[in-house]
Each structure stands twice: as structure tokens, then as C-alpha cells.
């Protein structure tokens, strides 16, 4: 499976050459399939994408130390078509020259320049991390060099060109017996670069030589590698290219709904389904008949590769085109208005859960069930597919024609592919890569809160889902909401306990009073007569007077 491919180049780049190189790699891969029709589709699809591939991604290479090597506007360079740049950020570190082509996986980190101090065993200390490593061009692929540098601990890589470009003229001096190059070298992916996570630049010979000379003179060089995306306003627009059978994109599609909802109106999403132009690929004969068997619909007008490479059974290219049209119609009805498309994401996930097998991919009941569970009106979608031109007759389908036009205008060749503010995003199609790129695409100071909270979080996806960043430092801690709830719960608990204790003490007091009264009441009864108020003098006097 291929990662997202870079379709971005620096200024004055040979865009057509780069596109041809990517197409050539794609065609060689397709040629391994047993069906020639697939190769024909790939070849003509590549022909349609040999266009100007420049876009808004801009990178910068500048030397800060020594000041004598600083250039106004930075150094001319070319970005690698692999690795994951920190979009919206920069890398500023000391540079070390490996004095090697770094083709050997066993990298000797104790050699190179500038010279470092020695350890107790008399060996020169290794390059102190983090660092940017300068490596000579030649001997092996760019990917192999950068991979070995990454394994050695490098944070970034500069490939020093060893041949002058003919266009450089007198500003570059080739080694004796070495002719100049008429075309710029392209730091292309050799097909194995999906594990590369550090950024890398190619530096032309006339710029690389002075930097190497400074390092070999044992002088420290510190430089900056920086990347930015177009930031037009406070809303980011991003696009995603895939197919219904794209295995690489499935994990991303399962996770991204949370981010789409969190970004809400601050980001507008547009999904694209990748199909081939069957007419350009020769799948429609002179008589209008489909020449590519079951790879195409509409009598050979719209085609897709067979996902299982078996034209006789399983999911066909025509099935992929049909599902692509369905998903585009779902987006038009349930996502195009707000650019979020909650129902669209629900359908993608329901389809992957229920119907993403050879037996159920085209099953009407399964598809209908997926739409029902996603809150989608199947009747509207069927009408949309029919009104756009359908898939049966030799007639254009307006929706699929729009997809072909968009594919040609963006120059997409390898899937999956993602664009942010019109700039192609490099690296594997992973949640954190796309999320960081989107957050870097906002005008400074207008980033939504979810970006401020989660774009630097170690686990962006979990942060977006939870609404806060759970860092290793906070292991065992609780969120503000949980803390507040717990505090209120404790307050309520102790209030109840206090109230119960108060009632208990009141009851005990009353019982004590009753007990005391109960002890004195019998005495009152026994002494009732003697305790009566009597006028003794009157009793005695009366009795004596009348005796």
C-alpha cells in the first residue's frame, strides 16, 4: 500500500519531469498485474496528469550560524517526496556532515564533521541529538539515505548534490571529469518510504559546498528548515482523494468523523472519488463498445482498477465506479452544504462494517441497510445517480465528469491523497498528519480551540474525541469536568452526613429531656397533696374557733 504522495515542489522545479517519474513508478507497479487493460488505464491516466504540479506548500532553508553563510530569502532547495514535514513549524538545529553517502545501514555516528571531543576510550563522541545530518548524494536511493539517517537519530536530512546543474552556469564548479546535469534531480519515493517520518531537502552543489567546507573546517553550522501552508483566512478547505476499495484510507476514515465535527464550520471538507477516463484510456471502441470488460461503466467511459485483480469474479472496476458515484451523491445531499457531512462519514463507516466484502459490496439490501443506519434517504441517492446520467448507457455522467476534471486539475496520481488549502500533504494518511496540516492552515491567531488544545497533543485523535489532551504527565489525573463533579459529589455527601448527624443529635437531645422529665414526674405524683398550696393559719384558726 502506498502512502500519501507529495505533489509539491519548490520554485523553478521541473514539474513535468517529476510527474513523469511518479507516473513511471505507478505504471511499473501496475504492469505487475496479469491484465493488460489495467496497465493501459494507468498509462493513460498518467498522461492526463502531466501538468504543472506546483501548489501552495512553501518551505525554507536558511543558515543562521555563521552569519556569513546567511542568504537573503534562504537557500534554493527541493523537498523530498516522502517523509512528514512539521507543517506550520520549523526545525532549527546544528548540522553535522556525515562525510559519507550513508548507504550502509550501520551508520558510524562517531565520524564526520565538525570534530567532537573524545570519550574515555579515545573515540570521538557521536553526533549529539537532535541534529540535522548532511549526506552526500549518490550510491543508493534518497529513501535509503534518509532512512539510515533517521535510524541514527537525525531530526532532518540535507542531501548535498555532487553534480552541478547546467543551468547554474559559472556559480557552480563540477569536479574534474564530471559533466553537468541538464535536469534537476527529484527526491522521489522508491516505493518503500512510508516508514520515513523526518523531513529532508536536496541542496544544490553550489550551495552545499560552502556549508560542507565550513563543517569540515570544524566550525559549527546551525540552520533552519521551515514549512508553511497557505493561510488565507479563518476557515480551512481540505480535500481527500480515495476509492471505495482503498485499504490504506480505511483506518483514517474510521477515525476522522470526530475531527470533522470538532472543526465544524471552521473547516470545509470535500471528498473525491478517483476514477479513470475510459475514453482517453482506449476502453471505448470506435463503435462505442466497452473494450475493457467489467472495468468500466457507460460503455467504457468511466473506469476503475479491479481491486482483487481478477476480472472474472469478485469486485469489479465497474462496481467501484458505481459505489464512487453513490458516495458522491450522498455527499451532495448530506455534506456539500455544511462541509462537515456527519451522515456521509456515518455511511462510509456503516458500509465498511456491513458491506465491504466480495459478497456484499454490491448487495442492494446491504447498501440500503447502511444508508438506513446512517440516516440517509436511499430514494434521493438513487434519483441523484440516475439524474446525473446513470451508469448503463453510452452517455456522460455529469458527476463523474466533474470528478475527472478535478483529478486532472489537481494532478493526483497515487492514492490516497489529501490537500489542505490547495496544498498536497505528504506522509502516511494518518489522523495526526492531516489534523496538524489543517490546524497549520489557519490564519495566525484564528485557530479554533480544538487546534489549540490538540494539535500538539501526543494523541491527537483521543484528544479530539475527549475534548482535552491526555498527556503522560497527566497519567492518573482527572479532567476538570470530572474533578468538578467529584467535588460537588463530595460536598453533597458531607452535607447529607452533616444533616443526618444534626437530626440524630436533635433526636438524642429530645430523648434526654424526656428521660429527665420522666424521672421527676413520679415524684410529683407522690407528693401531690403536700405540694398543694394551703393556708395553714386559716385551717388552724378555724378549727380552734369552732371547737
Protein backbone atom coordinates (compact mmCIF):
# COMPACT_ATOMS: atom_id res chain seq x y z
CA UNK A 1 0.00 0.00 0.00
CA UNK A 2 1.30 3.45 -0.89
CA UNK A 3 1.27 6.41 1.47
CA UNK A 4 0.06 9.85 0.51
CA UNK A 5 2.29 11.13 -2.26
CA UNK A 6 3.76 14.60 -2.28
CA UNK A 7 2.66 16.63 -5.23
CA UNK A 8 4.51 19.71 -4.11
CA UNK A 9 7.69 21.27 -5.42
CA UNK A 10 9.83 24.31 -4.72
CA UNK A 11 10.11 27.23 -7.10
CA UNK A 12 11.62 26.71 -10.57
CA UNK A 13 11.03 22.96 -10.32
CA UNK A 14 10.78 20.65 -13.33
CA UNK A 15 7.16 19.74 -12.63
CA UNK A 16 6.65 17.66 -15.75
CA UNK A 17 9.75 15.57 -15.07
CA UNK A 18 8.59 14.90 -11.53
CA UNK A 19 5.12 13.91 -12.68
CA UNK A 20 6.61 11.61 -15.29
CA UNK A 21 8.78 9.97 -12.70
CA UNK A 22 5.82 9.32 -10.41
CA UNK A 23 3.76 8.02 -13.31
CA UNK A 24 6.60 5.75 -14.41
CA UNK A 25 6.74 4.20 -10.95
CA UNK A 26 2.97 3.80 -10.90
CA UNK A 27 2.94 2.14 -14.33
CA UNK A 28 5.72 -0.28 -13.37
CA UNK A 29 3.68 -1.26 -10.34
CA UNK A 30 0.52 -1.73 -12.42
CA UNK A 31 2.43 -3.75 -15.02
CA UNK A 32 2.86 -6.50 -12.47
CA UNK A 33 -0.86 -7.23 -12.80
CA UNK A 34 -1.81 -10.02 -15.18
CA UNK A 35 -4.37 -7.95 -17.10
CA UNK A 36 -3.05 -5.57 -19.76
CA UNK A 37 -6.20 -3.47 -19.53
CA UNK A 38 -5.10 -2.28 -16.10
CA UNK A 39 -1.77 -1.13 -17.48
CA UNK A 40 -3.47 0.74 -20.30
CA UNK A 41 -5.70 2.53 -17.82
CA UNK A 42 -2.70 3.50 -15.67
CA UNK A 43 -0.67 4.71 -18.64
CA UNK A 44 -3.36 6.99 -19.98
CA UNK A 45 -4.29 8.21 -16.52
CA UNK A 46 -0.69 9.31 -16.05
CA UNK A 47 -0.72 11.10 -19.42
CA UNK A 48 -3.65 13.15 -18.23
CA UNK A 49 -1.77 14.25 -15.09
CA UNK A 50 1.47 15.54 -16.62
CA UNK A 51 0.58 19.07 -15.67
CA UNK A 52 2.03 21.85 -13.57
CA UNK A 53 2.13 20.28 -10.11
CA UNK A 54 3.14 23.39 -8.22
CA UNK A 55 0.98 24.27 -5.25
CA UNK A 56 0.91 26.43 -2.15
CA UNK A 57 3.27 24.46 0.07
CA UNK A 58 6.31 26.62 0.74
CA UNK A 59 9.45 25.57 2.58
CA UNK A 60 12.51 27.50 3.65
CA UNK A 61 16.16 26.62 4.18
CA UNK A 62 18.30 29.22 5.92
CA UNK A 63 21.69 29.21 7.67
CA UNK A 64 21.72 31.26 10.87
CA UNK A 65 25.25 30.47 12.08
CA UNK A 66 27.71 31.54 10.77
CA UNK A 67 26.24 34.82 9.64
CA UNK A 68 28.49 34.83 6.58
CA UNK A 69 26.51 31.91 5.12
CA UNK A 70 23.10 33.54 5.65
CA UNK A 71 21.32 34.29 2.37
CA UNK A 72 18.52 36.76 1.81
CA UNK A 73 15.42 34.70 1.16
CA UNK A 74 17.14 31.45 2.09
CA UNK A 75 18.78 28.68 0.06
CA UNK A 76 17.29 27.17 -3.07
CA UNK A 77 16.41 23.54 -2.43
CA UNK A 78 14.00 20.73 -3.30
CA UNK A 79 11.76 18.87 -0.87
CA UNK A 80 11.67 15.09 -0.74
CA UNK A 81 8.55 13.32 -1.94
CA UNK A 82 8.49 11.28 1.27
CA UNK A 83 8.72 11.96 4.98
CA UNK A 84 6.42 14.07 7.13
CA UNK A 85 7.28 17.78 7.46
CA UNK A 86 6.02 19.64 10.53
CA UNK A 87 3.56 21.82 8.61
CA UNK A 88 3.38 25.27 10.12
CA UNK A 89 6.55 24.65 12.11
CA UNK A 90 10.30 24.67 11.72
CA UNK A 91 13.37 22.68 12.63
CA UNK A 92 16.38 24.65 13.91
CA UNK A 93 19.37 22.52 14.86
CA UNK A 94 23.11 22.18 14.46
CA UNK A 95 24.33 20.47 11.29
CA UNK A 96 26.79 17.59 11.09
CA UNK A 97 28.40 16.36 7.89
CA UNK A 98 28.42 12.56 7.76
CA UNK A 99 31.32 12.55 5.26
CA UNK A 100 29.54 9.56 3.71
CA UNK A 101 26.81 8.65 1.25
CA UNK A 102 25.06 6.86 4.16
CA UNK A 103 24.11 3.83 2.04
CA UNK A 104 25.25 1.42 4.76
CA UNK A 105 22.58 0.72 7.37
CA UNK A 106 25.29 0.57 10.05
CA UNK A 107 25.84 4.29 10.40
CA UNK A 108 29.01 5.35 12.16
CA UNK A 109 27.86 8.28 14.29
CA UNK A 110 31.41 8.85 15.61
CA UNK A 111 32.83 10.12 12.33
CA UNK A 112 32.18 13.22 10.27
CA UNK A 113 32.49 16.92 10.96
CA UNK A 114 32.82 19.12 12.95
CA UNK A 115 35.28 17.15 15.08
CA UNK A 116 33.94 16.43 18.58
CA UNK A 117 35.74 15.70 21.81
CA UNK A 118 36.69 12.12 22.70
CA UNK A 119 35.35 9.77 25.33
CA UNK A 120 37.35 7.82 27.90
CA UNK A 121 38.17 5.15 25.31
CA UNK A 122 39.64 7.68 22.93
CA UNK A 123 36.74 7.52 20.46
CA UNK A 124 35.11 10.67 19.13
CA UNK A 125 31.72 11.31 20.67
CA UNK A 126 28.66 10.61 18.46
CA UNK A 127 26.59 13.35 16.90
CA UNK A 128 24.64 14.94 19.79
CA UNK A 129 20.88 14.66 19.28
CA UNK A 130 18.88 16.38 17.99
CA UNK A 131 20.78 17.29 14.85
CA UNK A 132 20.42 17.80 11.11
CA UNK A 133 22.63 15.49 9.08
CA UNK A 134 24.22 16.45 5.76
CA UNK A 135 24.80 13.46 3.48
CA UNK A 136 26.44 13.15 0.07
CA UNK A 137 24.28 12.28 -2.91
CA UNK A 138 24.90 9.03 -4.82
CA UNK A 139 25.43 5.34 -4.16
CA UNK A 140 21.81 4.45 -3.30
CA UNK A 141 18.30 5.88 -3.30
CA UNK A 142 17.30 9.02 -1.42
CA UNK A 143 14.90 6.96 0.69
CA UNK A 144 17.68 4.61 1.82
CA UNK A 145 19.91 7.52 2.85
CA UNK A 146 17.19 9.30 4.82
CA UNK A 147 16.05 6.06 6.46
CA UNK A 148 19.58 5.35 7.69
CA UNK A 149 19.89 8.92 8.94
CA UNK A 150 16.58 8.59 10.76
CA UNK A 151 17.74 5.40 12.44
CA UNK A 152 20.92 7.15 13.56
CA UNK A 153 18.86 9.80 15.37
CA UNK A 154 18.77 12.65 12.86
CA UNK A 155 15.86 15.09 13.09
CA UNK A 156 16.27 16.18 9.46
CA UNK A 157 18.47 15.46 6.45
CA UNK A 158 20.19 17.57 3.80
CA UNK A 159 21.29 15.71 0.68
CA UNK A 160 24.32 17.53 -0.75
CA UNK A 161 24.25 17.32 -4.54
CA UNK A 162 27.56 16.25 -6.07
CA UNK A 163 26.87 17.39 -9.64
CA UNK A 164 26.29 20.88 -10.97
CA UNK A 165 23.20 21.75 -12.94
CA UNK A 166 23.96 23.10 -16.36
CA UNK A 167 21.57 25.94 -15.65
CA UNK A 168 23.76 27.04 -12.69
CA UNK A 169 26.40 28.37 -15.07
CA UNK A 170 29.51 29.86 -13.52
CA UNK A 171 28.06 29.77 -9.99
CA UNK A 172 28.81 26.05 -9.69
CA UNK A 173 32.07 24.19 -10.28
CA UNK A 174 31.90 20.48 -11.16
CA UNK A 175 34.57 18.01 -10.13
CA UNK A 176 37.13 17.20 -12.82
CA UNK A 177 35.75 14.84 -15.45
CA UNK A 178 32.13 15.26 -14.28
CA UNK A 179 29.65 16.79 -16.69
CA UNK A 180 26.80 18.98 -15.57
CA UNK A 181 23.21 17.71 -15.35
CA UNK A 182 20.62 19.10 -17.70
CA UNK A 183 17.69 18.15 -15.44
CA UNK A 184 17.14 18.65 -11.76
CA UNK A 185 17.26 15.50 -9.59
CA UNK A 186 13.98 14.57 -7.91
CA UNK A 187 13.93 13.24 -4.37
CA UNK A 188 11.31 10.66 -5.27
CA UNK A 189 9.95 7.85 -3.15
CA UNK A 190 11.33 4.48 -4.27
CA UNK A 191 8.14 2.80 -3.09
CA UNK A 192 9.39 1.99 0.41
CA UNK A 193 9.38 5.43 2.01
CA UNK A 194 6.22 5.05 4.09
CA UNK A 195 8.32 4.48 7.24
CA UNK A 196 10.18 7.78 6.87
CA UNK A 197 8.95 10.33 9.38
CA UNK A 198 11.67 13.00 9.23
CA UNK A 199 11.87 15.75 6.59
CA UNK A 200 14.67 16.08 4.05
CA UNK A 201 15.86 18.56 1.42
CA UNK A 202 18.13 18.32 -1.60
CA UNK A 203 20.68 21.17 -1.62
CA UNK A 204 22.30 22.07 -4.95
CA UNK A 205 26.07 21.74 -5.24
CA UNK A 206 26.83 25.44 -5.38
CA UNK A 207 25.07 25.88 -2.01
CA UNK A 208 26.09 22.61 -0.39
CA UNK A 209 29.84 23.04 -1.00
CA UNK A 210 30.27 26.18 1.20
CA UNK A 211 28.30 24.56 4.04
CA UNK A 212 30.40 21.39 3.82
CA UNK A 213 33.58 23.44 3.76
CA UNK A 214 32.55 25.27 6.93
CA UNK A 215 31.76 21.99 8.70
CA UNK A 216 35.00 20.33 7.56
CA UNK A 217 36.85 23.34 8.95
CA UNK A 218 35.39 22.26 12.32
CA UNK A 219 33.11 25.29 12.56
CA UNK A 220 29.61 24.91 13.88
CA UNK A 221 26.76 25.50 11.42
CA UNK A 222 23.20 25.99 12.59
CA UNK A 223 20.36 26.19 10.10
CA UNK A 224 16.58 26.22 9.90
CA UNK A 225 14.22 24.04 7.86
CA UNK A 226 10.72 25.53 7.87
CA UNK A 227 7.36 24.70 6.27
CA UNK A 228 4.14 26.62 5.86
CA UNK A 229 0.75 26.20 4.24
CA UNK A 230 -1.38 28.86 2.57
CA UNK A 231 -3.41 30.57 5.31
CA UNK A 232 -5.96 32.76 3.54
CA UNK A 233 -8.46 33.26 6.35
CA UNK A 234 -10.06 31.73 9.42
CA UNK A 235 -11.53 28.76 7.52
CA UNK A 236 -9.52 25.89 6.06
CA UNK A 237 -10.61 23.96 3.00
CA UNK A 238 -9.36 20.41 2.64
CA UNK A 239 -9.89 17.61 0.15
CA UNK A 240 -9.45 13.87 0.24
CA UNK A 241 -8.93 11.55 -2.73
CA UNK A 242 -9.61 7.84 -2.40
CA UNK A 243 -11.65 4.93 -3.78
CA UNK A 244 -14.25 2.73 -2.05
CA UNK A 245 -11.71 -0.13 -2.04
CA UNK A 246 -8.69 1.84 -0.81
CA UNK A 247 -7.27 -0.24 2.05
CA UNK A 248 -4.81 2.45 3.17
CA UNK A 249 -7.55 5.00 3.80
CA UNK A 250 -9.86 2.83 5.89
CA UNK A 251 -8.39 3.50 9.33
CA UNK A 252 -8.34 7.22 8.64
CA UNK A 253 -11.97 7.21 7.51
CA UNK A 254 -13.00 5.33 10.65
CA UNK A 255 -11.43 8.00 12.85
CA UNK A 256 -11.95 11.29 11.06
CA UNK A 257 -15.65 11.94 11.77
CA UNK A 258 -14.77 13.18 15.27
CA UNK A 259 -12.39 15.77 13.81
CA UNK A 260 -14.85 16.85 11.13
CA UNK A 261 -17.47 17.52 13.81
CA UNK A 262 -14.98 19.23 16.13
CA UNK A 263 -13.72 21.55 13.38
CA UNK A 264 -17.31 22.13 12.28
CA UNK A 265 -17.84 25.28 10.20
CA UNK A 266 -14.19 26.29 10.65
CA UNK A 267 -13.13 23.70 8.05
CA UNK A 268 -14.82 22.76 4.77
CA UNK A 269 -14.27 19.20 3.57
CA UNK A 270 -14.67 17.85 0.03
CA UNK A 271 -14.31 14.13 -0.71
CA UNK A 272 -13.29 12.98 -4.18
CA UNK A 273 -13.61 9.54 -5.73
CA UNK A 274 -10.74 8.59 -8.04
CA UNK A 275 -11.76 7.10 -11.39
CA UNK A 276 -10.13 6.88 -14.84
CA UNK A 277 -11.23 8.41 -18.09
CA UNK A 278 -12.11 5.34 -20.14
CA UNK A 279 -12.25 7.21 -23.44
CA UNK A 280 -8.70 8.53 -23.04
CA UNK A 281 -7.51 5.10 -21.98
CA UNK A 282 -9.00 3.44 -25.06
CA UNK A 283 -11.65 1.48 -23.22
CA UNK A 284 -14.36 2.69 -25.60
CA UNK A 285 -14.02 1.40 -29.14
CA UNK A 286 -14.82 3.24 -32.36
CA UNK A 287 -18.25 1.63 -32.34
CA UNK A 288 -18.93 2.82 -28.79
CA UNK A 289 -18.47 -0.62 -27.24
CA UNK A 290 -16.75 -1.22 -23.91
CA UNK A 291 -13.29 -2.62 -24.66
CA UNK A 292 -12.22 -3.05 -21.02
CA UNK A 293 -14.66 -5.76 -19.97
CA UNK A 294 -16.01 -5.05 -16.45
CA UNK A 295 -13.54 -2.32 -15.51
CA UNK A 296 -15.81 0.44 -16.84
CA UNK A 297 -19.36 1.75 -16.90
CA UNK A 298 -21.23 3.79 -19.52
CA UNK A 299 -19.80 1.75 -22.39
CA UNK A 300 -16.21 2.33 -21.36
CA UNK A 301 -16.46 6.00 -20.34
CA UNK A 302 -15.66 5.70 -16.62
CA UNK A 303 -13.28 3.07 -15.28
CA UNK A 304 -11.54 1.90 -12.12
CA UNK A 305 -8.93 -0.74 -11.47
CA UNK A 306 -10.07 -4.18 -10.35
CA UNK A 307 -9.33 -4.27 -6.59
CA UNK A 308 -8.70 -8.03 -6.49
CA UNK A 309 -7.00 -8.22 -9.92
CA UNK A 310 -9.47 -10.86 -11.07
CA UNK A 311 -11.72 -9.78 -13.92
CA UNK A 312 -13.75 -12.98 -13.80
CA UNK A 313 -15.04 -12.78 -10.24
CA UNK A 314 -15.15 -10.67 -7.12
CA UNK A 315 -15.47 -6.88 -7.05
CA UNK A 316 -15.05 -5.32 -10.48
CA UNK A 317 -13.87 -1.91 -11.59
CA UNK A 318 -17.42 -1.09 -12.65
CA UNK A 319 -18.60 -1.91 -9.10
CA UNK A 320 -16.05 0.57 -7.75
CA UNK A 321 -17.28 3.27 -10.17
CA UNK A 322 -20.87 2.62 -9.09
CA UNK A 323 -20.08 2.92 -5.39
CA UNK A 324 -17.98 6.03 -6.11
CA UNK A 325 -20.98 7.68 -7.76
CA UNK A 326 -23.20 6.70 -4.82
CA UNK A 327 -20.82 8.22 -2.28
CA UNK A 328 -20.53 11.42 -4.27
CA UNK A 329 -24.33 11.70 -4.40
CA UNK A 330 -24.54 11.13 -0.65
CA UNK A 331 -22.08 13.95 -0.14
CA UNK A 332 -24.05 16.29 -2.40
CA UNK A 333 -27.19 15.73 -0.34
CA UNK A 334 -25.72 15.34 3.14
CA UNK A 335 -22.40 17.17 3.23
CA UNK A 336 -21.95 19.72 0.49
CA UNK A 337 -23.95 22.39 2.30
CA UNK A 338 -22.00 22.46 5.58
CA UNK A 339 -18.71 20.85 4.56
CA UNK A 340 -18.88 18.51 7.56
CA UNK A 341 -21.06 15.65 6.31
CA UNK A 342 -21.81 13.71 9.50
CA UNK A 343 -24.18 11.40 7.62
CA UNK A 344 -21.59 10.84 4.89
CA UNK A 345 -18.99 9.73 7.42
CA UNK A 346 -21.61 7.51 9.06
CA UNK A 347 -22.36 5.85 5.72
CA UNK A 348 -18.66 5.25 4.98
CA UNK A 349 -18.25 3.52 8.32
CA UNK A 350 -21.51 1.58 8.07
CA UNK A 351 -20.57 0.40 4.57
CA UNK A 352 -17.12 -0.72 5.75
CA UNK A 353 -18.73 -2.55 8.67
CA UNK A 354 -21.55 -4.23 6.75
CA UNK A 355 -20.78 -4.40 3.04
CA UNK A 356 -17.03 -4.24 2.50
CA UNK A 357 -16.66 -7.82 1.32
CA UNK A 358 -16.75 -9.54 -2.03
CA UNK A 359 -20.20 -11.00 -1.32
CA UNK A 360 -21.91 -7.81 -0.12
CA UNK A 361 -20.11 -4.96 -1.90
CA UNK A 362 -22.87 -4.63 -4.50
CA UNK A 363 -25.70 -6.19 -2.48
CA UNK A 364 -28.67 -3.75 -2.68
CA UNK A 365 -30.06 -4.83 0.70
CA UNK A 366 -26.72 -4.32 2.43
CA UNK A 367 -26.26 -0.91 0.83
CA UNK A 368 -29.79 0.11 1.77
CA UNK A 369 -29.21 -1.08 5.32
CA UNK A 370 -26.00 1.00 5.55
CA UNK A 371 -27.87 4.09 4.35
CA UNK A 372 -30.75 3.49 6.77
CA UNK A 373 -28.40 3.23 9.74
CA UNK A 374 -26.74 6.46 8.58
CA UNK A 375 -29.98 8.43 8.35
CA UNK A 376 -29.78 8.66 4.54
CA UNK A 377 -32.78 8.63 2.22
CA UNK A 378 -31.95 5.91 -0.31
CA UNK A 379 -34.57 7.22 -2.74
CA UNK A 380 -32.83 10.60 -3.01
CA UNK A 381 -29.50 8.93 -3.68
CA UNK A 382 -30.91 6.64 -6.37
CA UNK A 383 -32.52 9.64 -8.05
CA UNK A 384 -29.25 11.57 -7.90
CA UNK A 385 -27.36 8.70 -9.53
CA UNK A 386 -29.97 8.48 -12.29
CA UNK A 387 -30.36 12.20 -12.87
CA UNK A 388 -26.61 12.66 -13.28
CA UNK A 389 -26.64 10.31 -16.28
CA UNK A 390 -26.67 6.85 -14.73
CA UNK A 391 -24.16 4.09 -15.38
CA UNK A 392 -25.68 1.99 -18.11
CA UNK A 393 -25.96 3.97 -21.35
CA UNK A 394 -23.25 5.39 -23.58
CA UNK A 395 -23.87 8.85 -22.16
CA UNK A 396 -21.86 11.22 -19.98
CA UNK A 397 -22.49 11.31 -16.26
CA UNK A 398 -22.19 14.89 -15.00
CA UNK A 399 -20.99 13.92 -11.53
CA UNK A 400 -18.31 11.54 -12.79
CA UNK A 401 -17.22 14.10 -15.38
CA UNK A 402 -16.70 16.58 -12.53
CA UNK A 403 -14.55 14.04 -10.71
CA UNK A 404 -12.39 13.52 -13.81
CA UNK A 405 -11.96 17.27 -14.24
CA UNK A 406 -10.99 17.71 -10.59
CA UNK A 407 -8.48 14.86 -10.85
CA UNK A 408 -6.82 16.45 -13.85
CA UNK A 409 -6.68 19.89 -12.26
CA UNK A 410 -5.03 18.66 -9.04
CA UNK A 411 -2.69 16.19 -10.73
CA UNK A 412 -3.45 13.30 -8.38
CA UNK A 413 -1.63 10.13 -9.42
CA UNK A 414 -1.16 7.93 -6.33
CA UNK A 415 -3.85 7.25 -3.73
CA UNK A 416 -4.82 8.14 -1.12
CA UNK A 417 -4.10 11.85 -1.40
CA UNK A 418 -5.02 14.84 0.74
CA UNK A 419 -4.90 18.59 0.13
CA UNK A 420 -5.18 21.47 2.62
CA UNK A 421 -5.88 24.93 1.21
CA UNK A 422 -4.88 23.53 -2.17
CA UNK A 423 -1.52 22.20 -0.93
CA UNK A 424 -0.75 18.48 -1.18
CA UNK A 425 0.03 16.82 2.15
CA UNK A 426 2.89 14.37 2.44
CA UNK A 427 3.28 11.34 4.66
CA UNK A 428 1.11 8.38 5.55
CA UNK A 429 -2.62 9.03 5.65
CA UNK A 430 -2.90 9.20 9.40
CA UNK A 431 -5.12 11.22 11.69
CA UNK A 432 -2.32 13.25 13.27
CA UNK A 433 -0.72 14.15 9.91
CA UNK A 434 -3.94 15.56 8.44
CA UNK A 435 -5.04 17.21 11.69
CA UNK A 436 -1.73 19.03 12.11
CA UNK A 437 -1.81 20.18 8.48
CA UNK A 438 -5.35 21.56 8.83
CA UNK A 439 -4.51 23.39 12.06
CA UNK A 440 -1.43 24.88 10.36
CA UNK A 441 -3.64 26.18 7.55
CA UNK A 442 -5.45 28.84 9.59
CA UNK A 443 -4.54 32.49 9.57
CA UNK A 444 -2.37 33.18 12.61
CA UNK A 445 -4.49 33.85 15.67
CA UNK A 446 -7.70 32.40 14.17
CA UNK A 447 -7.13 28.73 15.01
CA UNK A 448 -10.20 27.01 16.52
CA UNK A 449 -9.97 25.89 20.14
CA UNK A 450 -9.73 22.23 19.16
CA UNK A 451 -6.48 23.00 17.31
CA UNK A 452 -5.05 24.92 20.25
CA UNK A 453 -5.91 22.05 22.55
CA UNK A 454 -4.99 19.05 20.43
CA UNK A 455 -2.55 19.91 17.62
CA UNK A 456 0.45 19.46 19.94
CA UNK A 457 -1.03 16.57 21.90
CA UNK A 458 0.79 13.22 21.69
CA UNK A 459 -2.51 11.52 20.79
CA UNK A 460 -4.49 13.96 18.64
CA UNK A 461 -7.34 11.56 17.90
CA UNK A 462 -8.06 10.78 21.55
CA UNK A 463 -7.76 14.47 22.35
CA UNK A 464 -10.34 15.38 19.70
CA UNK A 465 -12.69 12.64 20.92
CA UNK A 466 -12.34 13.64 24.60
CA UNK A 467 -12.08 17.38 24.06
CA UNK A 468 -8.87 17.62 26.08
CA UNK A 469 -5.29 16.36 25.83
CA UNK A 470 -4.38 13.34 27.91
CA UNK A 471 -0.61 13.54 28.25
CA UNK A 472 1.74 11.09 30.01
CA UNK A 473 2.30 13.82 32.60
CA UNK A 474 -1.39 13.70 33.38
CA UNK A 475 -1.42 9.91 33.78
CA UNK A 476 -3.76 9.08 36.65
CA UNK A 477 -5.16 12.62 36.71
CA UNK A 478 -8.75 13.59 36.03
CA UNK A 479 -10.31 16.16 33.76
CA UNK A 480 -11.73 19.47 35.02
CA UNK A 481 -15.25 18.18 34.48
CA UNK A 482 -14.62 15.01 36.48
CA UNK A 483 -12.86 16.99 39.21
CA UNK A 484 -15.73 19.49 39.49
CA UNK A 485 -18.28 16.70 39.52
CA UNK A 486 -16.36 14.82 42.18
CA UNK A 487 -16.06 17.98 44.28
CA UNK A 488 -19.80 18.60 44.07
CA UNK A 489 -20.47 14.97 44.89
CA UNK A 490 -18.27 15.11 47.96
CA UNK A 491 -19.90 18.35 49.06
CA UNK A 492 -23.34 16.79 48.70
CA UNK A 493 -22.21 13.67 50.54
CA UNK A 494 -20.80 15.54 53.52
CA UNK A 495 -23.84 17.82 53.56
CA UNK A 496 -26.07 14.76 53.84
CA UNK A 497 -23.86 13.27 56.53
CA UNK A 498 -23.91 16.56 58.45
CA UNK A 499 -27.69 16.83 58.15
CA UNK A 500 -28.16 13.26 59.35
CA UNK A 501 -25.81 13.88 62.28
CA UNK A 502 -27.69 17.06 63.18
CA UNK A 503 -31.03 15.22 63.11
CA UNK A 504 -29.52 12.48 65.22
CA UNK A 505 -28.19 14.91 67.82
CA UNK A 506 -31.56 16.66 67.93
CA UNK A 507 -33.31 13.36 68.50
CA UNK A 508 -30.87 12.40 71.22
CA UNK A 509 -31.38 15.76 72.96
CA UNK A 510 -35.15 15.33 72.92
CA UNK A 511 -34.84 11.81 74.31
CA UNK A 512 -32.59 13.02 77.11
CA UNK A 513 -35.08 15.77 78.01
CA UNK A 514 -37.92 13.23 78.04
CA UNK A 515 -35.85 10.91 80.21
CA UNK A 516 -35.17 13.65 82.73
CA UNK A 517 -38.83 14.67 82.81
CA UNK A 518 -39.85 11.05 83.19
CA UNK A 519 -37.66 10.73 86.30
CA UNK A 520 -39.30 13.73 88.00
CA UNK A 521 -42.93 13.08 87.09
CA UNK A 522 -43.43 10.17 89.64
CA UNK A 523 -42.17 12.36 92.48
CA UNK A 524 -44.76 14.96 91.60
CA UNK A 525 -47.49 12.35 91.77
CA UNK A 526 -46.39 11.00 95.16
CA UNK A 527 -46.17 14.48 96.72
CA UNK A 528 -49.20 15.90 95.09
CA UNK A 529 -51.10 16.75 98.39
CA UNK A 530 -48.14 18.03 100.32
CA UNK A 531 -47.12 20.15 97.50
CA UNK A 532 -50.54 21.83 97.25
CA UNK A 533 -50.74 25.45 98.35
CA UNK A 534 -52.58 25.57 101.71
CA UNK A 535 -53.22 28.41 104.19
CA UNK A 536 -52.13 26.64 107.40
CA UNK A 537 -53.03 29.57 109.61
CA UNK A 538 -56.60 29.63 108.43
CA UNK A 539 -57.03 25.88 108.99
CA UNK A 540 -55.63 26.03 112.44
CA UNK A 541 -57.55 29.17 113.41
CA UNK A 542 -60.90 27.95 112.20
CA UNK A 543 -60.54 24.64 113.88
CA UNK A 544 -59.81 26.36 117.30
CA UNK A 545 -62.55 28.89 116.97
CA UNK A 546 -65.33 26.41 116.37
CA UNK A 547 -64.09 23.59 118.54
